[in-house]
Amino acid sequence: MAILKADELAAYIQKKYQTEKQKQISPIKLQKSLYFLFAYWGGLVRKSIQYPMSAEESFASYDEYLYDSEIEAWVYGPVVPEVYHIQDIQKSFNPNLFVGKEKVKEYIDGLLEELFDVSDFTLVEISHNDKCWKDNFNHTSQFHNNTISKEDILNEYISK
């Protein structure tokens, strides 16, 4: 079972960005943040399982999937359609999202700090270099919405 719900994580990201940057997060930055959080978290947990660390450093006891929602290969990189189609994401805000999940919050906050400082289209460019996006993006498709396998994402990010 995944650790979080994608819509609640998106609401958290949006609120954190608003607080820190004093402006609204763009849909591109929100979507790339969701993707990179999923990818890096899953890679970290899988690496922690394969290469055991000390108990306090280990993430092996956590679920590899930060959230269960589908991730699709769209023109501007990976997208979580379930979140993309929500009109008012703040309705999903859960103030108790990280209760009992402090280590998860600490990891997410650290990564968000880095992601927030990268431009939208640099994030798009980075995601376009991912094999899992390239393998699933169909340039000739009208809708560009092939699902990216979560396993492919984790397998790629275990080495990053």
C-alpha atoms as a PDB file:
ATOM      1  CA  MET A   1       0.000   0.000   0.000  1.00  0.00           C
ATOM      2  CA  ALA A   2       1.352   3.403  -0.985  1.00  0.00           C
ATOM      3  CA  ILE A   3       2.385   5.888   1.669  1.00  0.00           C
ATOM      4  CA  LEU A   4       0.368   8.893   0.486  1.00  0.00           C
ATOM      5  CA  LYS A   5      -2.447   9.868  -1.846  1.00  0.00           C
ATOM      6  CA  ALA A   6      -1.275  11.784  -4.909  1.00  0.00           C
ATOM      7  CA  ASP A   7      -3.910  14.509  -4.539  1.00  0.00           C
ATOM      8  CA  GLU A   8      -3.001  15.147  -0.881  1.00  0.00           C
ATOM      9  CA  LEU A   9       0.703  15.233  -1.756  1.00  0.00           C
ATOM     10  CA  ALA A  10      -0.053  17.683  -4.589  1.00  0.00           C
ATOM     11  CA  ALA A  11      -2.004  19.927  -2.201  1.00  0.00           C
ATOM     12  CA  TYR A  12       0.933  19.835   0.219  1.00  0.00           C
ATOM     13  CA  ILE A  13       3.397  20.731  -2.560  1.00  0.00           C
ATOM     14  CA  GLN A  14       1.164  23.565  -3.746  1.00  0.00           C
ATOM     15  CA  LYS A  15       0.749  24.999  -0.252  1.00  0.00           C
ATOM     16  CA  LYS A  16       4.477  24.696   0.531  1.00  0.00           C
ATOM     17  CA  TYR A  17       5.401  26.444  -2.731  1.00  0.00           C
ATOM     18  CA  GLN A  18       2.909  29.242  -2.052  1.00  0.00           C
ATOM     19  CA  THR A  19       4.333  29.729   1.441  1.00  0.00           C
ATOM     20  CA  GLU A  20       7.979  29.682   0.374  1.00  0.00           C
ATOM     21  CA  LYS A  21       7.812  31.511  -2.967  1.00  0.00           C
ATOM     22  CA  GLN A  22       4.796  33.770  -2.335  1.00  0.00           C
ATOM     23  CA  LYS A  23       3.217  32.732  -5.643  1.00  0.00           C
ATOM     24  CA  GLN A  24       1.244  29.902  -7.181  1.00  0.00           C
ATOM     25  CA  ILE A  25       3.093  26.832  -8.406  1.00  0.00           C
ATOM     26  CA  SER A  26       2.753  26.200 -12.136  1.00  0.00           C
ATOM     27  CA  PRO A  27       1.022  23.006 -13.309  1.00  0.00           C
ATOM     28  CA  ILE A  28       4.311  21.904 -14.907  1.00  0.00           C
ATOM     29  CA  LYS A  29       6.348  22.331 -11.710  1.00  0.00           C
ATOM     30  CA  LEU A  30       3.629  20.603  -9.669  1.00  0.00           C
ATOM     31  CA  GLN A  31       3.524  17.622 -12.030  1.00  0.00           C
ATOM     32  CA  LYS A  32       7.297  17.287 -12.299  1.00  0.00           C
ATOM     33  CA  SER A  33       7.573  17.566  -8.508  1.00  0.00           C
ATOM     34  CA  LEU A  34       5.093  14.710  -8.113  1.00  0.00           C
ATOM     35  CA  TYR A  35       7.009  12.616 -10.638  1.00  0.00           C
ATOM     36  CA  PHE A  36      10.495  13.222  -9.245  1.00  0.00           C
ATOM     37  CA  LEU A  37       9.296  12.682  -5.667  1.00  0.00           C
ATOM     38  CA  PHE A  38       7.813   9.329  -6.712  1.00  0.00           C
ATOM     39  CA  ALA A  39      10.905   8.341  -8.696  1.00  0.00           C
ATOM     40  CA  TYR A  40      13.581   9.332  -6.194  1.00  0.00           C
ATOM     41  CA  TRP A  41      11.633   7.991  -3.212  1.00  0.00           C
ATOM     42  CA  GLY A  42      11.078   4.623  -4.890  1.00  0.00           C
ATOM     43  CA  GLY A  43      14.691   4.410  -5.987  1.00  0.00           C
ATOM     44  CA  LEU A  44      15.861   5.205  -2.456  1.00  0.00           C
ATOM     45  CA  VAL A  45      13.641   2.568  -0.843  1.00  0.00           C
ATOM     46  CA  ARG A  46      14.572  -0.085  -3.409  1.00  0.00           C
ATOM     47  CA  LYS A  47      18.275   0.721  -2.974  1.00  0.00           C
ATOM     48  CA  SER A  48      17.816   0.527   0.807  1.00  0.00           C
ATOM     49  CA  ILE A  49      16.342  -2.963   0.430  1.00  0.00           C
ATOM     50  CA  GLN A  50      19.041  -4.205  -1.953  1.00  0.00           C
ATOM     51  CA  TYR A  51      21.954  -2.620  -0.121  1.00  0.00           C
ATOM     52  CA  PRO A  52      21.089  -2.640   3.591  1.00  0.00           C
ATOM     53  CA  MET A  53      22.179   0.353   5.666  1.00  0.00           C
ATOM     54  CA  SER A  54      22.122   0.999   9.384  1.00  0.00           C
ATOM     55  CA  ALA A  55      18.623   0.919  10.867  1.00  0.00           C
ATOM     56  CA  GLU A  56      18.407   4.698  11.355  1.00  0.00           C
ATOM     57  CA  GLU A  57      19.526   5.356   7.758  1.00  0.00           C
ATOM     58  CA  SER A  58      17.425   2.643   6.175  1.00  0.00           C
ATOM     59  CA  PHE A  59      14.214   3.215   4.274  1.00  0.00           C
ATOM     60  CA  ALA A  60      13.708  -0.520   3.645  1.00  0.00           C
ATOM     61  CA  SER A  61      10.638  -0.726   5.897  1.00  0.00           C
ATOM     62  CA  TYR A  62       8.724   1.818   3.786  1.00  0.00           C
ATOM     63  CA  ASP A  63       6.584   1.143   0.736  1.00  0.00           C
ATOM     64  CA  GLU A  64       8.458   1.801  -2.513  1.00  0.00           C
ATOM     65  CA  TYR A  65       5.422   3.557  -3.964  1.00  0.00           C
ATOM     66  CA  LEU A  66       5.002   7.054  -2.591  1.00  0.00           C
ATOM     67  CA  TYR A  67       1.487   7.042  -4.124  1.00  0.00           C
ATOM     68  CA  ASP A  68      -0.590   4.627  -6.218  1.00  0.00           C
ATOM     69  CA  SER A  69      -1.874   6.952  -8.948  1.00  0.00           C
ATOM     70  CA  GLU A  70      -1.018   6.318 -12.586  1.00  0.00           C
ATOM     71  CA  ILE A  71       1.794   8.279 -14.201  1.00  0.00           C
ATOM     72  CA  GLU A  72       1.536   8.936 -17.927  1.00  0.00           C
ATOM     73  CA  ALA A  73       3.988  10.096 -20.601  1.00  0.00           C
ATOM     74  CA  TRP A  74       2.693  13.465 -21.833  1.00  0.00           C
ATOM     75  CA  VAL A  75       4.295  16.046 -24.119  1.00  0.00           C
ATOM     76  CA  TYR A  76       5.903  17.992 -21.259  1.00  0.00           C
ATOM     77  CA  GLY A  77       7.021  14.871 -19.411  1.00  0.00           C
ATOM     78  CA  PRO A  78       5.422  12.553 -16.865  1.00  0.00           C
ATOM     79  CA  VAL A  79       2.014  13.584 -15.506  1.00  0.00           C
ATOM     80  CA  VAL A  80      -0.297  12.236 -12.805  1.00  0.00           C
ATOM     81  CA  PRO A  81      -3.640  12.673 -14.651  1.00  0.00           C
ATOM     82  CA  GLU A  82      -5.710  12.168 -11.497  1.00  0.00           C
ATOM     83  CA  VAL A  83      -4.111  15.314 -10.047  1.00  0.00           C
ATOM     84  CA  TYR A  84      -3.983  17.222 -13.342  1.00  0.00           C
ATOM     85  CA  HIS A  85      -7.783  17.042 -13.686  1.00  0.00           C
ATOM     86  CA  ILE A  86      -8.586  18.309 -10.170  1.00  0.00           C
ATOM     87  CA  GLN A  87      -9.981  21.844 -10.337  1.00  0.00           C
ATOM     88  CA  ASP A  88      -9.185  22.905  -6.757  1.00  0.00           C
ATOM     89  CA  ILE A  89      -6.342  20.830  -5.395  1.00  0.00           C
ATOM     90  CA  GLN A  90      -6.409  22.613  -2.030  1.00  0.00           C
ATOM     91  CA  LYS A  91      -9.663  20.813  -1.221  1.00  0.00           C
ATOM     92  CA  SER A  92      -7.422  17.735  -0.906  1.00  0.00           C
ATOM     93  CA  PHE A  93      -5.139  19.362   1.668  1.00  0.00           C
ATOM     94  CA  ASN A  94      -4.682  17.128   4.680  1.00  0.00           C
ATOM     95  CA  PRO A  95      -3.018  18.823   7.686  1.00  0.00           C
ATOM     96  CA  ASN A  96      -2.303  15.359   9.145  1.00  0.00           C
ATOM     97  CA  LEU A  97      -0.659  14.048   5.970  1.00  0.00           C
ATOM     98  CA  PHE A  98       2.687  13.318   7.616  1.00  0.00           C
ATOM     99  CA  VAL A  99       1.576  12.296  11.110  1.00  0.00           C
ATOM    100  CA  GLY A 100       3.698   9.262  11.920  1.00  0.00           C
ATOM    101  CA  LYS A 101       5.593   9.742   8.650  1.00  0.00           C
ATOM    102  CA  GLU A 102       8.181  12.299   9.731  1.00  0.00           C
ATOM    103  CA  LYS A 103      11.040  10.589   7.881  1.00  0.00           C
ATOM    104  CA  VAL A 104       8.989  10.691   4.663  1.00  0.00           C
ATOM    105  CA  LYS A 105       8.239  14.399   5.166  1.00  0.00           C
ATOM    106  CA  GLU A 106      11.895  15.184   5.816  1.00  0.00           C
ATOM    107  CA  TYR A 107      12.923  13.460   2.574  1.00  0.00           C
ATOM    108  CA  ILE A 108      10.144  15.113   0.551  1.00  0.00           C
ATOM    109  CA  ASP A 109      10.883  18.577   1.951  1.00  0.00           C
ATOM    110  CA  GLY A 110      14.574  18.229   1.107  1.00  0.00           C
ATOM    111  CA  LEU A 111      13.853  17.228  -2.469  1.00  0.00           C
ATOM    112  CA  LEU A 112      11.182  19.919  -2.904  1.00  0.00           C
ATOM    113  CA  GLU A 113      13.670  22.551  -1.791  1.00  0.00           C
ATOM    114  CA  GLU A 114      15.825  21.559  -4.773  1.00  0.00           C
ATOM    115  CA  LEU A 115      12.937  21.148  -7.230  1.00  0.00           C
ATOM    116  CA  PHE A 116      11.435  24.545  -6.410  1.00  0.00           C
ATOM    117  CA  ASP A 117      14.664  26.251  -7.490  1.00  0.00           C
ATOM    118  CA  VAL A 118      14.781  24.591 -10.926  1.00  0.00           C
ATOM    119  CA  SER A 119      12.901  26.201 -13.815  1.00  0.00           C
ATOM    120  CA  ASP A 120       9.821  24.469 -15.199  1.00  0.00           C
ATOM    121  CA  PHE A 121      11.329  23.685 -18.558  1.00  0.00           C
ATOM    122  CA  THR A 122      14.593  22.457 -17.070  1.00  0.00           C
ATOM    123  CA  LEU A 123      12.474  19.958 -15.097  1.00  0.00           C
ATOM    124  CA  VAL A 124      10.719  19.021 -18.365  1.00  0.00           C
ATOM    125  CA  GLU A 125      14.086  18.569 -20.071  1.00  0.00           C
ATOM    126  CA  ILE A 126      15.401  16.385 -17.233  1.00  0.00           C
ATOM    127  CA  SER A 127      12.267  14.207 -17.341  1.00  0.00           C
ATOM    128  CA  HIS A 128      12.578  13.896 -21.132  1.00  0.00           C
ATOM    129  CA  ASN A 129      15.996  12.299 -20.593  1.00  0.00           C
ATOM    130  CA  ASP A 130      14.456   9.502 -18.536  1.00  0.00           C
ATOM    131  CA  LYS A 131      14.316   6.200 -20.373  1.00  0.00           C
ATOM    132  CA  CYS A 132      10.951   5.381 -18.787  1.00  0.00           C
ATOM    133  CA  TRP A 133       9.413   8.530 -20.352  1.00  0.00           C
ATOM    134  CA  LYS A 134      11.137   8.023 -23.723  1.00  0.00           C
ATOM    135  CA  ASP A 135       9.984   4.397 -23.910  1.00  0.00           C
ATOM    136  CA  ASN A 136       6.353   5.362 -23.307  1.00  0.00           C
ATOM    137  CA  PHE A 137       5.949   8.665 -25.092  1.00  0.00           C
ATOM    138  CA  ASN A 138       4.390   8.194 -28.518  1.00  0.00           C
ATOM    139  CA  HIS A 139       5.130  11.177 -30.770  1.00  0.00           C
ATOM    140  CA  THR A 140       2.465  10.141 -33.272  1.00  0.00           C
ATOM    141  CA  SER A 141      -0.335   9.598 -30.759  1.00  0.00           C
ATOM    142  CA  GLN A 142      -3.095  12.192 -30.633  1.00  0.00           C
ATOM    143  CA  PHE A 143      -3.413  12.075 -26.846  1.00  0.00           C
ATOM    144  CA  HIS A 144       0.126  11.279 -25.601  1.00  0.00           C
ATOM    145  CA  ASN A 145      -1.082   9.446 -22.540  1.00  0.00           C
ATOM    146  CA  ASN A 146       0.651   6.082 -22.359  1.00  0.00           C
ATOM    147  CA  THR A 147       1.066   4.840 -18.807  1.00  0.00           C
ATOM    148  CA  ILE A 148       4.621   4.667 -17.516  1.00  0.00           C
ATOM    149  CA  SER A 149       5.214   1.502 -15.512  1.00  0.00           C
ATOM    150  CA  LYS A 150       6.018   2.273 -11.888  1.00  0.00           C
ATOM    151  CA  GLU A 151       8.491  -0.612 -11.958  1.00  0.00           C
ATOM    152  CA  ASP A 152      10.314   0.975 -14.900  1.00  0.00           C
ATOM    153  CA  ILE A 153      10.559   4.250 -12.984  1.00  0.00           C
ATOM    154  CA  LEU A 154      11.929   2.586  -9.841  1.00  0.00           C
ATOM    155  CA  ASN A 155      14.365   0.431 -11.801  1.00  0.00           C
ATOM    156  CA  GLU A 156      15.707   3.545 -13.513  1.00  0.00           C
ATOM    157  CA  TYR A 157      15.938   5.600 -10.333  1.00  0.00           C
ATOM    158  CA  ILE A 158      17.647   2.996  -8.154  1.00  0.00           C
ATOM    159  CA  SER A 159      20.876   4.084  -9.860  1.00  0.00           C
ATOM    160  CA  LYS A 160      20.321   7.858  -9.580  1.00  0.00           C
END
